Every structure is written in C-alpha cells, then in structure tokens.
Amino acid sequence: MSIRCTVESAFFIAWSFLEKTGELGPPDTAANTILDAIEAQLKTGERRPLMLANRAIDAYRRLNQLSAAREARLG
C-alpha cells in the first residue's frame, strides 16, 4: 500500500469515527489535527492505517479537552 493510500485510509477511518460519535468539530480544524497526527506518526515509521487512525483520534480528543479546559478557566 502506498503512503498516499495509507494516509487516505487512516484519515477516512478517523474522520468517520469522530463524525459518527458526534465529536467532530469545525472541519478545517479537525482535518488539520487529524492529518498532523498522522504525519507525525509516519515520520516515526508507523504504516498501519488503523493504528494511525486510532492515534489521530486520541490526539484530536486531547486537543479538544485542552481547549475545553482553557475555555473553562477563561470563561
């Protein structure tokens, strides 16, 4: 499987999951967060689409939790 196909598969898995669970936020922010997480993992040698997707979902959730905590403090 090419890197392009791997990235597309991982992105689709992560996006679909977050969309189905209702966790998906603004599309631009979500896409950038997911792709950044996938890219970071590719640099470490990870090539399994499901692992890439799962870790991207975790990164997205962490970012949302940090944002919510920041808003609560400032709010």
Protein backbone atom coordinates (compact mmCIF):
# COMPACT_ATOMS: atom_id res chain seq x y z
CA MET A 1 0.00 0.00 0.00
CA SER A 2 1.40 3.41 -0.94
CA ILE A 3 1.85 6.18 1.61
CA ARG A 4 -0.94 8.15 -0.08
CA CYS A 5 -3.39 5.25 0.27
CA THR A 6 -2.28 4.70 3.85
CA VAL A 7 -2.89 8.35 4.75
CA GLU A 8 -6.25 8.39 2.97
CA SER A 9 -7.39 5.21 4.72
CA ALA A 10 -6.28 6.40 8.15
CA PHE A 11 -7.85 9.82 7.65
CA PHE A 12 -11.15 8.31 6.50
CA ILE A 13 -11.27 5.94 9.47
CA ALA A 14 -10.58 8.72 11.98
CA TRP A 15 -12.93 11.23 10.33
CA SER A 16 -15.79 8.72 10.06
CA PHE A 17 -15.42 7.62 13.66
CA LEU A 18 -15.38 11.17 15.03
CA GLU A 19 -18.34 12.11 12.83
CA LYS A 20 -20.39 9.10 13.96
CA THR A 21 -19.69 9.78 17.63
CA GLY A 22 -20.63 13.46 17.25
CA GLU A 23 -17.16 14.60 18.32
CA LEU A 24 -16.18 16.16 15.01
CA GLY A 25 -15.82 19.92 15.33
CA PRO A 26 -15.11 22.53 12.68
CA PRO A 27 -13.99 20.71 9.52
CA ASP A 28 -10.80 22.71 8.91
CA THR A 29 -9.54 22.32 12.45
CA ALA A 30 -10.49 18.65 12.58
CA ALA A 31 -8.81 17.86 9.25
CA ASN A 32 -5.61 19.67 10.23
CA THR A 33 -5.43 17.96 13.62
CA ILE A 34 -6.02 14.51 12.15
CA LEU A 35 -3.52 15.00 9.33
CA ASP A 36 -0.87 16.45 11.66
CA ALA A 37 -1.20 13.43 13.94
CA ILE A 38 -0.96 11.02 11.01
CA GLU A 39 2.06 12.85 9.58
CA ALA A 40 3.88 12.78 12.93
CA GLN A 41 3.37 9.02 13.16
CA LEU A 42 4.52 8.44 9.59
CA LYS A 43 7.79 10.17 10.48
CA THR A 44 8.34 7.57 13.20
CA GLY A 45 7.77 4.72 10.73
CA GLU A 46 4.19 3.75 11.58
CA ARG A 47 2.35 2.50 8.48
CA ARG A 48 -0.69 0.63 9.82
CA PRO A 49 -3.80 2.64 8.87
CA LEU A 50 -5.85 1.56 11.88
CA MET A 51 -3.06 2.47 14.31
CA LEU A 52 -2.59 5.81 12.56
CA ALA A 53 -6.33 6.49 12.79
CA ASN A 54 -6.63 5.48 16.45
CA ARG A 55 -3.75 7.68 17.50
CA ALA A 56 -5.09 10.57 15.41
CA ILE A 57 -8.45 10.21 17.19
CA ASP A 58 -6.66 10.29 20.55
CA ALA A 59 -4.73 13.41 19.51
CA TYR A 60 -7.95 15.09 18.38
CA ARG A 61 -9.68 14.27 21.65
CA ARG A 62 -6.73 15.56 23.71
CA LEU A 63 -6.72 18.83 21.79
CA ASN A 64 -10.46 19.25 22.37
CA GLN A 65 -10.07 18.51 26.09
CA LEU A 66 -7.30 21.10 26.38
CA SER A 67 -9.39 23.65 24.53
CA ALA A 68 -12.40 22.99 26.75
CA ALA A 69 -10.28 23.29 29.90
CA ARG A 70 -8.78 26.55 28.66
CA GLU A 71 -12.22 27.97 27.91
CA ALA A 72 -13.49 26.93 31.36
CA ARG A 73 -10.62 28.74 33.04
CA LEU A 74 -11.05 31.88 30.96
CA GLY A 75 -14.83 31.69 30.68
